[in-house]
Amino acid sequence: MVNLCFLLPHHLIRNINVEAKQEVINNINKDIMETNPCNKPINGGSSIPSRVSRKTKPDATIVNINGVKVGGSDIVVIAGPCAVESREQLFETARSVKESGANILRGGAFKPRSSPYNFQGLGEDGLKLLGIIREETGLPIVTEVMDTRQVELVASYADMIQIGSRNMQNYPLLKEAGMCRKPILLKRGMMATIEEYLMAAEYILNQGNEHVILCERGIRTFETSTRNTLDLSAIPMLKRLSHLPVIVDPSHGTGLRWMVPAMAKAAVAVGADGLIMEVHYKPEAALCDGYQSLNLDEFAQLMADLKKIASAVGREISSLKPSHA
């Protein structure tokens, strides 16, 4: 076998002594051998951090979001618009998803967008609207935080804080979110391995916050017919390796409204503890991700279908009533 370590740039190891250099080379050779699929069986035996590991905590963690429990036998559904755009849009959508059976309301007040010229969210005004509709519906709310400077503000309104795919490895943000003690919804990075994902969760748990929910939202592959490739194999793998609850986002996982119901049902079938989906009262007029948002009737029909899938695998769609704080 060719020793690939000789391909290392010399400047990476020139400043350490000979023995240390050899140790670096030996470790890299070992890593190459261990990660070679021809030499190592794929059995879920990757090294994972201790706090998230099921070996450390064999029993499943159940995260309580203002009375809604994620990680138990019931499957929790989180639904709402990608972004809070207006009072009418948010309130009409929230009332409808609650009637259809959603347990938690999602809605972005701060939005990370690929272009700086796209709609970035309403900021604190959006948070205030989320607070008002929570008072009316009783639904707990989850919304995204993008910056360490926003954590305290968002935590003062939200029942659960979301850390999005782009920020999965924003370590200062993970630490700050971990210290706020609110439940955290951590989305998988679009190019993150399972091990990297669990390491990110470990940052939050390491701050003393054990109320973490993992979310598979699709990864970037060479496939271009969908926005991302929804990695449903990650669900049983994550549940085998970790005690944390795992939910699925079929909206970002596919980027196509017509695919969301099929992938949502598949996620339930493979063992997801919940779903988070984008729903909009007028998807064609949405300022953000309308093409992957279900309309109100589509969501209502999907909720009816999900009950059948859940029953087939010995589970139920959660009908727990959130405790109003």
Protein backbone atom coordinates (compact mmCIF):
# COMPACT_ATOMS: atom_id res chain seq x y z
CA MET A 1 0.00 0.00 0.00
CA VAL A 2 1.19 3.49 -0.83
CA ASN A 3 1.92 5.51 2.27
CA LEU A 4 -0.30 8.52 1.65
CA CYS A 5 1.30 10.41 4.49
CA PHE A 6 4.19 11.36 2.19
CA LEU A 7 1.65 13.50 0.32
CA LEU A 8 1.23 15.73 3.38
CA PRO A 9 2.57 19.27 2.94
CA HIS A 10 5.84 19.46 4.82
CA HIS A 11 4.81 22.64 6.64
CA LEU A 12 2.16 20.71 8.57
CA ILE A 13 4.78 18.72 10.49
CA ARG A 14 8.07 20.58 10.14
CA ASN A 15 7.80 22.34 13.49
CA ILE A 16 7.66 19.25 15.67
CA ASN A 17 10.41 16.82 16.68
CA VAL A 18 11.20 13.57 14.89
CA GLU A 19 9.30 11.33 17.32
CA ALA A 20 6.23 13.55 17.16
CA LYS A 21 6.44 13.61 13.37
CA GLN A 22 6.44 9.83 13.28
CA GLU A 23 3.46 9.71 15.63
CA VAL A 24 1.53 12.05 13.32
CA ILE A 25 2.36 9.85 10.35
CA ASN A 26 1.41 6.67 12.19
CA ASN A 27 -1.91 8.15 13.30
CA ILE A 28 -2.80 9.28 9.80
CA ASN A 29 -1.92 5.86 8.39
CA LYS A 30 -4.15 4.31 11.05
CA ASP A 31 -7.01 6.66 10.18
CA ILE A 32 -6.69 5.86 6.50
CA MET A 33 -6.84 2.14 7.21
CA GLU A 34 -9.75 2.45 9.64
CA THR A 35 -11.88 4.60 7.38
CA ASN A 36 -11.27 2.46 4.30
CA PRO A 37 -14.57 0.63 3.67
CA CYS A 38 -12.63 -2.30 2.21
CA ASN A 39 -10.87 -2.85 5.53
CA LYS A 40 -13.55 -1.92 8.05
CA PRO A 41 -17.11 -3.30 8.22
CA ILE A 42 -19.82 -0.67 8.28
CA ASN A 43 -21.55 -1.55 11.54
CA GLY A 44 -22.24 1.77 13.23
CA GLY A 45 -19.11 1.46 15.33
CA SER A 46 -17.80 4.96 14.72
CA SER A 47 -16.34 6.78 17.68
CA ILE A 48 -18.93 9.12 19.15
CA PRO A 49 -18.76 11.52 22.09
CA SER A 50 -19.80 10.25 25.49
CA ARG A 51 -22.69 12.50 26.52
CA VAL A 52 -24.77 11.80 23.43
CA SER A 53 -23.91 8.09 23.36
CA ARG A 54 -26.52 5.43 24.06
CA LYS A 55 -23.75 3.47 25.79
CA THR A 56 -23.59 6.23 28.40
CA LYS A 57 -27.38 6.53 28.69
CA PRO A 58 -29.18 3.41 27.42
CA ASP A 59 -32.68 4.83 27.98
CA ALA A 60 -34.09 7.20 25.38
CA THR A 61 -34.16 10.88 26.30
CA ILE A 62 -37.58 12.51 26.22
CA VAL A 63 -37.55 16.26 25.62
CA ASN A 64 -40.48 18.22 27.04
CA ILE A 65 -41.44 21.34 25.08
CA ASN A 66 -44.02 23.08 27.23
CA GLY A 67 -45.95 19.84 27.73
CA VAL A 68 -45.28 18.24 24.34
CA LYS A 69 -42.96 15.27 24.80
CA VAL A 70 -40.61 14.25 21.99
CA GLY A 71 -38.80 10.92 22.09
CA GLY A 72 -41.49 8.67 23.53
CA SER A 73 -43.86 6.29 21.78
CA ASP A 74 -45.97 9.07 20.23
CA ILE A 75 -44.84 10.87 17.07
CA VAL A 76 -44.84 14.66 17.34
CA VAL A 77 -45.63 16.93 14.39
CA ILE A 78 -44.18 20.44 14.09
CA ALA A 79 -45.70 22.57 11.34
CA GLY A 80 -45.92 26.15 10.17
CA PRO A 81 -44.45 28.60 7.69
CA CYS A 82 -40.79 28.76 6.78
CA ALA A 83 -40.77 32.43 7.75
CA VAL A 84 -43.12 34.74 9.62
CA GLU A 85 -44.19 37.13 6.86
CA SER A 86 -47.26 38.86 8.26
CA ARG A 87 -49.87 38.60 10.99
CA GLU A 88 -52.49 37.24 8.58
CA GLN A 89 -50.14 34.62 7.09
CA LEU A 90 -48.94 33.35 10.46
CA PHE A 91 -52.30 33.36 12.24
CA GLU A 92 -54.25 31.68 9.41
CA THR A 93 -51.58 28.99 9.05
CA ALA A 94 -51.22 28.40 12.79
CA ARG A 95 -54.95 28.02 13.39
CA SER A 96 -55.25 25.55 10.55
CA VAL A 97 -52.28 23.34 11.45
CA LYS A 98 -53.52 23.16 15.04
CA GLU A 99 -56.96 22.04 13.82
CA SER A 100 -55.28 19.38 11.68
CA GLY A 101 -53.38 18.01 14.67
CA ALA A 102 -49.97 19.70 14.79
CA ASN A 103 -48.40 19.78 18.25
CA ILE A 104 -45.86 22.59 17.84
CA LEU A 105 -45.78 25.69 15.62
CA ARG A 106 -42.69 26.54 13.60
CA GLY A 107 -41.92 29.93 12.08
CA GLY A 108 -38.72 31.79 11.33
CA ALA A 109 -38.23 35.34 12.61
CA PHE A 110 -34.56 35.42 11.57
CA LYS A 111 -33.84 33.66 8.28
CA PRO A 112 -30.45 32.61 6.87
CA ARG A 113 -30.74 33.11 3.11
CA SER A 114 -28.24 32.30 0.39
CA SER A 115 -28.64 35.78 -1.08
CA PRO A 116 -28.37 38.91 1.07
CA TYR A 117 -31.14 40.44 -1.06
CA ASN A 118 -33.77 37.82 -0.18
CA PHE A 119 -36.30 38.21 2.62
CA GLN A 120 -34.45 37.83 5.91
CA GLY A 121 -37.41 37.63 8.28
CA LEU A 122 -39.18 40.19 10.47
CA GLY A 123 -36.76 39.90 13.37
CA GLU A 124 -38.17 40.77 16.80
CA ASP A 125 -41.49 41.81 15.25
CA GLY A 126 -41.80 38.23 14.01
CA LEU A 127 -41.04 36.90 17.49
CA LYS A 128 -43.77 39.10 18.93
CA LEU A 129 -46.29 37.71 16.44
CA LEU A 130 -45.25 34.17 17.39
CA GLY A 131 -45.81 35.04 21.03
CA ILE A 132 -49.30 36.37 20.31
CA ILE A 133 -50.42 33.32 18.33
CA ARG A 134 -49.04 31.02 21.03
CA GLU A 135 -51.29 32.80 23.52
CA GLU A 136 -54.28 32.17 21.25
CA THR A 137 -53.61 28.57 20.15
CA GLY A 138 -51.60 27.22 23.07
CA LEU A 139 -49.11 25.72 20.64
CA PRO A 140 -45.46 25.87 21.75
CA ILE A 141 -43.24 27.64 19.21
CA VAL A 142 -39.87 26.80 17.73
CA THR A 143 -37.86 29.40 15.86
CA GLU A 144 -34.30 29.72 14.64
CA VAL A 145 -31.39 31.57 16.18
CA MET A 146 -28.50 32.53 13.91
CA ASP A 147 -26.11 34.46 16.14
CA THR A 148 -24.85 34.32 19.72
CA ARG A 149 -26.16 37.87 20.15
CA GLN A 150 -29.70 36.68 19.39
CA VAL A 151 -29.88 33.77 21.83
CA GLU A 152 -31.19 35.67 24.84
CA LEU A 153 -33.79 37.51 22.76
CA VAL A 154 -35.05 34.40 20.93
CA ALA A 155 -35.08 32.36 24.15
CA SER A 156 -37.34 34.97 25.77
CA TYR A 157 -40.04 34.20 23.17
CA ALA A 158 -39.46 30.62 21.99
CA ASP A 159 -40.32 27.35 23.72
CA MET A 160 -37.62 25.62 21.68
CA ILE A 161 -34.67 27.12 19.83
CA GLN A 162 -33.65 25.86 16.41
CA ILE A 163 -30.05 25.81 15.23
CA GLY A 164 -30.11 25.42 11.48
CA SER A 165 -28.03 23.38 9.09
CA ARG A 166 -25.68 26.23 8.23
CA ASN A 167 -24.86 26.74 11.91
CA MET A 168 -24.45 23.12 12.98
CA GLN A 169 -20.72 23.67 13.45
CA ASN A 170 -20.94 27.23 14.76
CA TYR A 171 -19.34 26.24 18.04
CA PRO A 172 -19.77 29.56 19.90
CA LEU A 173 -23.48 29.45 19.04
CA LEU A 174 -23.78 25.82 20.17
CA LYS A 175 -22.19 26.71 23.50
CA GLU A 176 -24.35 29.79 24.00
CA ALA A 177 -27.51 27.87 23.14
CA GLY A 178 -26.46 25.13 25.53
CA MET A 179 -26.23 27.60 28.38
CA CYS A 180 -29.72 29.03 27.85
CA ARG A 181 -31.37 25.78 29.05
CA LYS A 182 -34.21 25.94 26.54
CA PRO A 183 -34.82 22.79 24.44
CA ILE A 184 -32.68 22.85 21.29
CA LEU A 185 -33.64 21.55 17.86
CA LEU A 186 -30.31 20.86 16.13
CA LYS A 187 -30.45 20.31 12.39
CA ARG A 188 -27.84 18.22 10.63
CA GLY A 189 -25.39 20.15 8.50
CA MET A 190 -25.95 19.70 4.80
CA MET A 191 -22.52 18.10 4.39
CA ALA A 192 -22.02 16.64 7.86
CA THR A 193 -21.30 13.03 8.69
CA ILE A 194 -23.18 11.31 11.49
CA GLU A 195 -20.11 11.55 13.70
CA GLU A 196 -19.68 15.28 13.04
CA TYR A 197 -23.37 15.78 13.76
CA LEU A 198 -23.18 14.01 17.11
CA MET A 199 -20.06 15.98 18.00
CA ALA A 200 -22.06 19.17 17.43
CA ALA A 201 -24.79 17.91 19.75
CA GLU A 202 -22.12 17.10 22.33
CA TYR A 203 -21.18 20.80 22.47
CA ILE A 204 -24.70 21.61 23.66
CA LEU A 205 -24.90 18.77 26.16
CA ASN A 206 -21.47 19.69 27.45
CA GLN A 207 -22.91 23.01 28.64
CA GLY A 208 -25.37 21.12 30.84
CA ASN A 209 -28.36 21.27 28.47
CA GLU A 210 -29.60 17.74 27.80
CA HIS A 211 -32.80 18.86 26.08
CA VAL A 212 -31.60 18.34 22.51
CA ILE A 213 -33.57 17.01 19.55
CA LEU A 214 -31.74 15.89 16.42
CA CYS A 215 -33.21 16.66 12.99
CA GLU A 216 -32.31 14.98 9.71
CA ARG A 217 -33.03 17.56 6.99
CA GLY A 218 -31.21 16.16 3.97
CA ILE A 219 -27.61 16.26 2.84
CA ARG A 220 -25.99 17.63 -0.28
CA THR A 221 -25.04 14.97 -2.82
CA PHE A 222 -24.38 14.90 -6.56
CA GLU A 223 -28.13 14.54 -7.17
CA THR A 224 -29.73 17.70 -8.57
CA SER A 225 -33.36 16.66 -9.08
CA THR A 226 -34.10 17.41 -5.42
CA ARG A 227 -32.92 20.25 -3.21
CA ASN A 228 -31.15 17.78 -0.91
CA THR A 229 -31.00 14.02 -0.49
CA LEU A 230 -33.07 13.03 2.54
CA ASP A 231 -30.93 10.50 4.40
CA LEU A 232 -33.54 8.30 6.05
CA SER A 233 -30.87 5.73 6.91
CA ALA A 234 -29.62 8.31 9.41
CA ILE A 235 -32.72 7.78 11.56
CA PRO A 236 -32.07 4.20 12.72
CA MET A 237 -28.33 4.92 12.86
CA LEU A 238 -28.74 7.97 15.10
CA LYS A 239 -31.21 6.14 17.33
CA ARG A 240 -28.76 3.23 17.63
CA LEU A 241 -25.81 5.46 18.49
CA SER A 242 -27.52 8.09 20.62
CA HIS A 243 -30.27 8.38 23.22
CA LEU A 244 -31.45 11.73 21.81
CA PRO A 245 -34.80 11.97 19.97
CA VAL A 246 -34.63 12.20 16.18
CA ILE A 247 -37.09 13.98 13.91
CA VAL A 248 -37.16 14.51 10.13
CA ASP A 249 -37.65 17.56 7.92
CA PRO A 250 -39.02 16.31 4.57
CA SER A 251 -39.59 19.87 3.34
CA HIS A 252 -35.90 20.82 3.17
CA GLY A 253 -34.98 17.20 2.59
CA THR A 254 -36.63 17.25 -0.84
CA GLY A 255 -37.40 20.88 -1.68
CA LEU A 256 -40.51 19.74 -3.55
CA ARG A 257 -44.03 20.05 -2.19
CA TRP A 258 -45.32 16.96 -3.97
CA MET A 259 -42.59 14.79 -2.43
CA VAL A 260 -43.11 15.88 1.17
CA PRO A 261 -46.05 13.56 2.00
CA ALA A 262 -44.29 10.44 0.73
CA MET A 263 -41.05 11.20 2.59
CA ALA A 264 -42.93 12.16 5.76
CA LYS A 265 -44.67 8.79 5.75
CA ALA A 266 -41.38 7.03 5.06
CA ALA A 267 -39.76 8.86 7.98
CA VAL A 268 -42.45 7.60 10.34
CA ALA A 269 -41.98 4.07 8.99
CA VAL A 270 -38.22 4.05 9.72
CA GLY A 271 -38.67 5.20 13.31
CA ALA A 272 -38.57 9.00 13.44
CA ASP A 273 -39.83 10.50 16.69
CA GLY A 274 -41.39 13.41 14.89
CA LEU A 275 -41.66 15.54 11.78
CA ILE A 276 -41.09 19.22 11.10
CA MET A 277 -42.79 20.50 7.95
CA GLU A 278 -43.36 23.79 6.22
CA VAL A 279 -47.00 24.74 5.74
CA HIS A 280 -48.29 28.01 4.25
CA TYR A 281 -51.80 29.29 3.70
CA LYS A 282 -50.79 30.55 0.24
CA PRO A 283 -47.59 28.74 -0.85
CA GLU A 284 -47.62 30.35 -4.28
CA ALA A 285 -47.28 33.78 -2.63
CA ALA A 286 -44.74 32.80 0.05
CA LEU A 287 -41.67 34.99 0.47
CA CYS A 288 -39.57 31.97 1.44
CA ASP A 289 -39.61 28.32 0.29
CA GLY A 290 -43.15 28.28 -1.07
CA TYR A 291 -42.23 25.53 -3.54
CA GLN A 292 -41.63 23.09 -0.67
CA SER A 293 -44.48 24.21 1.58
CA LEU A 294 -47.71 22.25 1.84
CA ASN A 295 -50.95 24.15 1.59
CA LEU A 296 -53.50 23.81 4.39
CA ASP A 297 -55.57 21.09 2.72
CA GLU A 298 -52.51 19.04 1.81
CA PHE A 299 -51.30 19.16 5.39
CA ALA A 300 -54.69 18.10 6.74
CA GLN A 301 -54.75 15.11 4.38
CA LEU A 302 -51.19 14.16 5.28
CA MET A 303 -52.00 14.18 8.99
CA ALA A 304 -54.82 11.69 8.35
CA ASP A 305 -52.49 9.47 6.32
CA LEU A 306 -49.73 9.61 8.94
CA LYS A 307 -52.04 8.11 11.55
CA LYS A 308 -52.34 4.99 9.39
CA ILE A 309 -48.57 4.67 8.92
CA ALA A 310 -47.93 5.21 12.62
CA SER A 311 -50.48 2.56 13.53
CA ALA A 312 -48.84 0.09 11.15
CA VAL A 313 -45.53 0.41 13.02
CA GLY A 314 -47.09 0.28 16.47
CA ARG A 315 -47.05 3.99 17.25
CA GLU A 316 -49.45 6.93 17.29
CA ILE A 317 -49.42 10.52 16.14
CA SER A 318 -49.28 12.59 19.32
CA SER A 319 -52.54 14.18 20.38
CA LEU A 320 -51.15 15.51 23.65
CA LYS A 321 -52.40 18.94 24.58
CA PRO A 322 -49.54 21.33 25.34
CA SER A 323 -49.57 22.88 28.78
CA HIS A 324 -50.10 26.59 28.34
CA ALA A 325 -47.44 28.60 30.17
